[in-house]
Amino acid sequence: QVQLVESGGGLVQAGGSLRLSCAASGSIFSINVMGWYRQAPGKQRELVASITGGGGVNYADSVKGRFTISRDNAKNTVYLQMNSLKPEDTAVYYCNAHESGKGMDYWGKGTLVTVSS
């Protein structure tokens, strides 16, 4: 089992920045990919960014050039630095850990990001 706890959400004006953190605990040695997803009201959950154990990253087109995902293996923590925030970035952001061997996905409870115009 893997436990994920997000932090760092809040209210920010358009153009501002926030940094989300996701602290992982438990059987983290089995995790291959970690990522951030978001879900806006009335919309499906979507991938924002992901990072592999080797440091390979992937971003949604809508956040490329504005968001940066990173990980601190010593702290078992993944970060999402969000710059130049837009009102359409408003959503609940969820941390995800994927275990390829078992095909398992673990989720945090989410943290709300609200961007005002």
N, C-alpha and C. Protein backbone atom coordinates (compact mmCIF):
# COMPACT_ATOMS: atom_id res chain seq x y z
N GLN A 1 0.83 -1.20 0.00
CA GLN A 1 0.00 0.00 0.00
C GLN A 1 0.86 1.25 0.00
N VAL A 2 0.34 2.25 -0.65
CA VAL A 2 1.02 3.54 -0.74
C VAL A 2 0.06 4.62 -0.27
N GLN A 3 0.56 5.51 0.56
CA GLN A 3 -0.25 6.63 1.03
C GLN A 3 0.33 7.93 0.45
N LEU A 4 -0.57 8.78 -0.01
CA LEU A 4 -0.17 10.05 -0.62
C LEU A 4 -0.90 11.19 0.07
N VAL A 5 -0.15 12.23 0.43
CA VAL A 5 -0.75 13.39 1.08
C VAL A 5 -0.31 14.65 0.34
N GLU A 6 -1.31 15.35 -0.21
CA GLU A 6 -1.02 16.58 -0.94
C GLU A 6 -1.10 17.80 -0.03
N SER A 7 -0.39 18.84 -0.43
CA SER A 7 -0.48 20.12 0.27
C SER A 7 -0.09 21.22 -0.69
N GLY A 8 -0.43 22.45 -0.32
CA GLY A 8 0.02 23.60 -1.11
C GLY A 8 -1.04 24.29 -1.93
N GLY A 9 -2.26 23.76 -1.94
CA GLY A 9 -3.30 24.42 -2.70
C GLY A 9 -3.74 25.71 -2.02
N GLY A 10 -4.58 26.46 -2.72
CA GLY A 10 -5.08 27.71 -2.16
C GLY A 10 -5.66 28.62 -3.21
N LEU A 11 -5.87 29.84 -2.82
CA LEU A 11 -6.44 30.87 -3.70
C LEU A 11 -5.33 31.79 -4.17
N VAL A 12 -5.29 32.02 -5.48
CA VAL A 12 -4.26 32.89 -6.04
C VAL A 12 -4.86 33.68 -7.19
N GLN A 13 -4.32 34.85 -7.43
CA GLN A 13 -4.80 35.65 -8.56
C GLN A 13 -4.17 35.15 -9.86
N ALA A 14 -4.85 35.42 -10.94
CA ALA A 14 -4.31 35.07 -12.25
C ALA A 14 -2.93 35.68 -12.43
N GLY A 15 -2.03 34.87 -12.97
CA GLY A 15 -0.64 35.31 -13.14
C GLY A 15 0.26 34.91 -11.99
N GLY A 16 -0.34 34.47 -10.91
CA GLY A 16 0.42 34.09 -9.73
C GLY A 16 0.98 32.68 -9.80
N SER A 17 1.58 32.27 -8.69
CA SER A 17 2.24 30.96 -8.62
C SER A 17 1.83 30.22 -7.36
N LEU A 18 1.87 28.90 -7.45
CA LEU A 18 1.69 28.02 -6.30
C LEU A 18 2.60 26.82 -6.48
N ARG A 19 2.99 26.20 -5.38
CA ARG A 19 3.73 24.94 -5.46
C ARG A 19 2.98 23.89 -4.64
N LEU A 20 2.62 22.82 -5.32
CA LEU A 20 1.98 21.70 -4.67
C LEU A 20 3.04 20.66 -4.28
N SER A 21 2.79 20.00 -3.16
CA SER A 21 3.66 18.93 -2.70
C SER A 21 2.85 17.67 -2.49
N CYS A 22 3.49 16.54 -2.73
CA CYS A 22 2.85 15.24 -2.50
C CYS A 22 3.85 14.35 -1.77
N ALA A 23 3.57 14.06 -0.52
CA ALA A 23 4.44 13.21 0.27
C ALA A 23 3.94 11.77 0.20
N ALA A 24 4.82 10.87 -0.17
CA ALA A 24 4.47 9.46 -0.31
C ALA A 24 5.05 8.64 0.83
N SER A 25 4.31 7.64 1.25
CA SER A 25 4.79 6.73 2.29
C SER A 25 4.23 5.34 2.01
N GLY A 26 4.80 4.35 2.67
CA GLY A 26 4.38 2.97 2.46
C GLY A 26 5.30 2.25 1.50
N SER A 27 4.76 1.42 0.64
CA SER A 27 5.54 0.58 -0.28
C SER A 27 5.95 1.37 -1.53
N ILE A 28 6.66 2.43 -1.31
CA ILE A 28 6.97 3.34 -2.43
C ILE A 28 8.02 2.78 -3.36
N PHE A 29 8.75 1.73 -2.95
CA PHE A 29 9.78 1.15 -3.80
C PHE A 29 9.17 0.54 -5.06
N SER A 30 7.89 0.23 -4.99
CA SER A 30 7.21 -0.42 -6.12
C SER A 30 6.63 0.58 -7.12
N ILE A 31 6.72 1.86 -6.81
CA ILE A 31 6.12 2.88 -7.66
C ILE A 31 7.01 3.22 -8.85
N ASN A 32 6.43 3.23 -10.06
CA ASN A 32 7.19 3.53 -11.27
C ASN A 32 7.04 4.97 -11.73
N VAL A 33 5.82 5.47 -11.63
CA VAL A 33 5.52 6.80 -12.13
C VAL A 33 4.68 7.54 -11.10
N MET A 34 4.99 8.80 -10.90
CA MET A 34 4.13 9.64 -10.07
C MET A 34 3.66 10.82 -10.90
N GLY A 35 2.48 11.28 -10.58
CA GLY A 35 1.93 12.36 -11.39
C GLY A 35 0.92 13.20 -10.65
N TRP A 36 0.55 14.26 -11.31
CA TRP A 36 -0.51 15.15 -10.83
C TRP A 36 -1.65 15.15 -11.84
N TYR A 37 -2.84 14.99 -11.34
CA TYR A 37 -4.05 15.09 -12.13
C TYR A 37 -4.89 16.22 -11.55
N ARG A 38 -5.85 16.67 -12.34
CA ARG A 38 -6.77 17.67 -11.82
C ARG A 38 -8.18 17.41 -12.34
N GLN A 39 -9.13 17.88 -11.55
CA GLN A 39 -10.53 17.73 -11.95
C GLN A 39 -11.26 19.02 -11.63
N ALA A 40 -11.73 19.67 -12.68
CA ALA A 40 -12.51 20.89 -12.53
C ALA A 40 -13.99 20.53 -12.41
N PRO A 41 -14.79 21.40 -11.83
CA PRO A 41 -16.22 21.11 -11.68
C PRO A 41 -16.86 20.76 -13.01
N GLY A 42 -17.56 19.65 -13.04
CA GLY A 42 -18.27 19.23 -14.24
C GLY A 42 -17.40 18.64 -15.33
N LYS A 43 -16.13 18.44 -15.03
CA LYS A 43 -15.21 17.89 -16.04
C LYS A 43 -14.57 16.61 -15.54
N GLN A 44 -14.02 15.86 -16.48
CA GLN A 44 -13.33 14.63 -16.12
C GLN A 44 -11.94 14.93 -15.56
N ARG A 45 -11.46 14.00 -14.77
CA ARG A 45 -10.11 14.12 -14.25
C ARG A 45 -9.12 14.00 -15.42
N GLU A 46 -8.11 14.85 -15.42
CA GLU A 46 -7.14 14.84 -16.51
C GLU A 46 -5.72 14.88 -15.96
N LEU A 47 -4.81 14.29 -16.74
CA LEU A 47 -3.40 14.31 -16.38
C LEU A 47 -2.84 15.71 -16.59
N VAL A 48 -2.10 16.19 -15.59
CA VAL A 48 -1.42 17.47 -15.69
C VAL A 48 0.05 17.26 -16.00
N ALA A 49 0.69 16.40 -15.22
CA ALA A 49 2.12 16.14 -15.41
C ALA A 49 2.48 14.83 -14.73
N SER A 50 3.51 14.16 -15.25
CA SER A 50 3.98 12.94 -14.62
C SER A 50 5.50 12.89 -14.69
N ILE A 51 6.07 12.06 -13.79
CA ILE A 51 7.51 11.92 -13.74
C ILE A 51 7.84 10.48 -13.39
N THR A 52 8.79 9.90 -14.13
CA THR A 52 9.18 8.52 -13.89
C THR A 52 10.31 8.46 -12.85
N GLY A 53 10.63 7.24 -12.45
CA GLY A 53 11.73 7.06 -11.50
C GLY A 53 13.05 7.56 -12.06
N GLY A 54 13.18 7.50 -13.37
CA GLY A 54 14.40 7.96 -14.01
C GLY A 54 14.42 9.45 -14.31
N GLY A 55 13.33 10.13 -13.98
CA GLY A 55 13.27 11.57 -14.18
C GLY A 55 12.61 12.02 -15.45
N GLY A 56 12.11 11.09 -16.24
CA GLY A 56 11.41 11.47 -17.46
C GLY A 56 10.10 12.16 -17.12
N VAL A 57 9.80 13.24 -17.81
CA VAL A 57 8.60 14.02 -17.49
C VAL A 57 7.67 14.12 -18.70
N ASN A 58 6.41 14.35 -18.39
CA ASN A 58 5.39 14.50 -19.41
C ASN A 58 4.40 15.54 -18.91
N TYR A 59 3.96 16.42 -19.83
CA TYR A 59 3.03 17.48 -19.45
C TYR A 59 1.83 17.53 -20.39
N ALA A 60 0.71 17.93 -19.85
CA ALA A 60 -0.43 18.25 -20.70
C ALA A 60 -0.09 19.50 -21.50
N ASP A 61 -0.59 19.57 -22.72
CA ASP A 61 -0.30 20.73 -23.58
C ASP A 61 -0.71 22.04 -22.91
N SER A 62 -1.78 22.00 -22.15
CA SER A 62 -2.32 23.22 -21.56
C SER A 62 -1.42 23.82 -20.48
N VAL A 63 -0.47 23.05 -19.97
CA VAL A 63 0.38 23.56 -18.89
C VAL A 63 1.86 23.64 -19.28
N LYS A 64 2.19 23.18 -20.48
CA LYS A 64 3.59 23.22 -20.92
C LYS A 64 4.12 24.64 -20.88
N GLY A 65 5.32 24.79 -20.33
CA GLY A 65 5.94 26.10 -20.23
C GLY A 65 5.53 26.87 -18.99
N ARG A 66 4.52 26.39 -18.28
CA ARG A 66 4.05 27.09 -17.07
C ARG A 66 4.23 26.26 -15.81
N PHE A 67 4.05 24.94 -15.93
CA PHE A 67 4.15 24.05 -14.77
C PHE A 67 5.42 23.21 -14.88
N THR A 68 5.97 22.88 -13.72
CA THR A 68 7.15 22.01 -13.67
C THR A 68 6.96 20.96 -12.58
N ILE A 69 7.11 19.70 -12.96
CA ILE A 69 7.04 18.61 -11.99
C ILE A 69 8.46 18.19 -11.63
N SER A 70 8.65 17.87 -10.36
CA SER A 70 9.97 17.42 -9.90
C SER A 70 9.78 16.48 -8.72
N ARG A 71 10.85 15.78 -8.38
CA ARG A 71 10.76 14.86 -7.26
C ARG A 71 12.02 14.92 -6.43
N ASP A 72 11.85 14.71 -5.13
CA ASP A 72 12.97 14.63 -4.20
C ASP A 72 12.91 13.22 -3.62
N ASN A 73 13.76 12.34 -4.13
CA ASN A 73 13.70 10.94 -3.71
C ASN A 73 14.06 10.77 -2.24
N ALA A 74 14.92 11.62 -1.74
CA ALA A 74 15.31 11.51 -0.33
C ALA A 74 14.13 11.80 0.59
N LYS A 75 13.23 12.67 0.12
CA LYS A 75 12.07 13.03 0.94
C LYS A 75 10.80 12.30 0.50
N ASN A 76 10.93 11.45 -0.53
CA ASN A 76 9.75 10.74 -1.06
C ASN A 76 8.63 11.72 -1.38
N THR A 77 9.00 12.81 -2.01
CA THR A 77 8.04 13.88 -2.29
C THR A 77 8.12 14.30 -3.75
N VAL A 78 6.96 14.56 -4.32
CA VAL A 78 6.85 15.07 -5.68
C VAL A 78 6.24 16.46 -5.60
N TYR A 79 6.74 17.35 -6.43
CA TYR A 79 6.28 18.73 -6.42
C TYR A 79 5.69 19.12 -7.77
N LEU A 80 4.80 20.08 -7.74
CA LEU A 80 4.29 20.68 -8.98
C LEU A 80 4.38 22.19 -8.80
N GLN A 81 5.33 22.79 -9.47
CA GLN A 81 5.46 24.24 -9.46
C GLN A 81 4.58 24.80 -10.57
N MET A 82 3.65 25.65 -10.19
CA MET A 82 2.68 26.20 -11.13
C MET A 82 2.88 27.71 -11.22
N ASN A 83 3.27 28.17 -12.38
CA ASN A 83 3.48 29.60 -12.63
C ASN A 83 2.48 30.10 -13.67
N SER A 84 2.34 31.41 -13.74
CA SER A 84 1.44 32.05 -14.71
C SER A 84 0.07 31.39 -14.69
N LEU A 85 -0.46 31.24 -13.51
CA LEU A 85 -1.74 30.54 -13.36
C LEU A 85 -2.87 31.30 -14.02
N LYS A 86 -3.81 30.53 -14.56
CA LYS A 86 -4.97 31.07 -15.24
C LYS A 86 -6.24 30.60 -14.54
N PRO A 87 -7.33 31.34 -14.69
CA PRO A 87 -8.59 30.89 -14.07
C PRO A 87 -8.97 29.46 -14.49
N GLU A 88 -8.64 29.07 -15.71
CA GLU A 88 -8.98 27.72 -16.15
C GLU A 88 -8.13 26.64 -15.49
N ASP A 89 -7.14 27.02 -14.70
CA ASP A 89 -6.38 26.04 -13.93
C ASP A 89 -7.08 25.68 -12.63
N THR A 90 -8.17 26.38 -12.33
CA THR A 90 -8.93 26.09 -11.12
C THR A 90 -9.46 24.67 -11.14
N ALA A 91 -9.13 23.91 -10.09
CA ALA A 91 -9.52 22.50 -10.02
C ALA A 91 -9.04 21.92 -8.69
N VAL A 92 -9.50 20.72 -8.42
CA VAL A 92 -8.90 19.93 -7.35
C VAL A 92 -7.75 19.14 -7.97
N TYR A 93 -6.59 19.26 -7.40
CA TYR A 93 -5.40 18.59 -7.91
C TYR A 93 -5.11 17.36 -7.05
N TYR A 94 -4.93 16.24 -7.75
CA TYR A 94 -4.70 14.96 -7.09
C TYR A 94 -3.32 14.43 -7.42
N CYS A 95 -2.67 13.91 -6.41
CA CYS A 95 -1.40 13.21 -6.61
C CYS A 95 -1.69 11.74 -6.92
N ASN A 96 -0.94 11.19 -7.84
CA ASN A 96 -1.13 9.79 -8.25
C ASN A 96 0.21 9.06 -8.23
N ALA A 97 0.16 7.81 -7.80
CA ALA A 97 1.33 6.93 -7.87
C ALA A 97 0.92 5.67 -8.61
N HIS A 98 1.69 5.32 -9.62
CA HIS A 98 1.36 4.17 -10.46
C HIS A 98 2.38 3.06 -10.28
N GLU A 99 1.86 1.86 -10.02
CA GLU A 99 2.69 0.68 -9.86
C GLU A 99 2.46 -0.22 -11.06
N SER A 100 3.39 -0.18 -12.01
CA SER A 100 3.18 -0.89 -13.27
C SER A 100 3.05 -2.39 -13.09
N GLY A 101 3.85 -2.97 -12.18
CA GLY A 101 3.86 -4.42 -12.01
C GLY A 101 2.49 -4.98 -11.68
N LYS A 102 1.75 -4.28 -10.85
CA LYS A 102 0.43 -4.74 -10.44
C LYS A 102 -0.69 -4.00 -11.15
N GLY A 103 -0.31 -3.01 -11.93
CA GLY A 103 -1.35 -2.22 -12.57
C GLY A 103 -2.17 -1.43 -11.57
N MET A 104 -1.53 -1.02 -10.48
CA MET A 104 -2.25 -0.33 -9.41
C MET A 104 -2.02 1.17 -9.49
N ASP A 105 -3.05 1.89 -9.14
CA ASP A 105 -2.97 3.34 -9.00
C ASP A 105 -3.39 3.74 -7.59
N TYR A 106 -2.61 4.62 -6.99
CA TYR A 106 -2.93 5.15 -5.67
C TYR A 106 -3.17 6.65 -5.81
N TRP A 107 -4.11 7.15 -5.00
CA TRP A 107 -4.51 8.55 -5.11
C TRP A 107 -4.49 9.23 -3.75
N GLY A 108 -4.11 10.51 -3.76
CA GLY A 108 -4.29 11.33 -2.59
C GLY A 108 -5.72 11.84 -2.54
N LYS A 109 -6.03 12.59 -1.49
CA LYS A 109 -7.39 13.10 -1.32
C LYS A 109 -7.63 14.37 -2.11
N GLY A 110 -6.57 14.99 -2.60
CA GLY A 110 -6.71 16.18 -3.42
C GLY A 110 -6.52 17.46 -2.65
N THR A 111 -6.11 18.48 -3.39
CA THR A 111 -5.96 19.82 -2.82
C THR A 111 -6.54 20.82 -3.81
N LEU A 112 -7.32 21.76 -3.31
CA LEU A 112 -8.03 22.69 -4.18
C LEU A 112 -7.16 23.87 -4.56
N VAL A 113 -7.12 24.15 -5.85
CA VAL A 113 -6.45 25.34 -6.38
C VAL A 113 -7.51 26.22 -7.03
N THR A 114 -7.60 27.44 -6.58
CA THR A 114 -8.55 28.39 -7.14
C THR A 114 -7.80 29.60 -7.66
N VAL A 115 -7.99 29.91 -8.93
CA VAL A 115 -7.32 31.04 -9.57
C VAL A 115 -8.39 32.08 -9.92
N SER A 116 -8.28 33.23 -9.31
CA SER A 116 -9.25 34.29 -9.56
C SER A 116 -8.79 35.20 -10.69
N SER A 117 -9.76 35.73 -11.41
CA SER A 117 -9.43 36.60 -12.56
C SER A 117 -9.33 38.05 -12.14
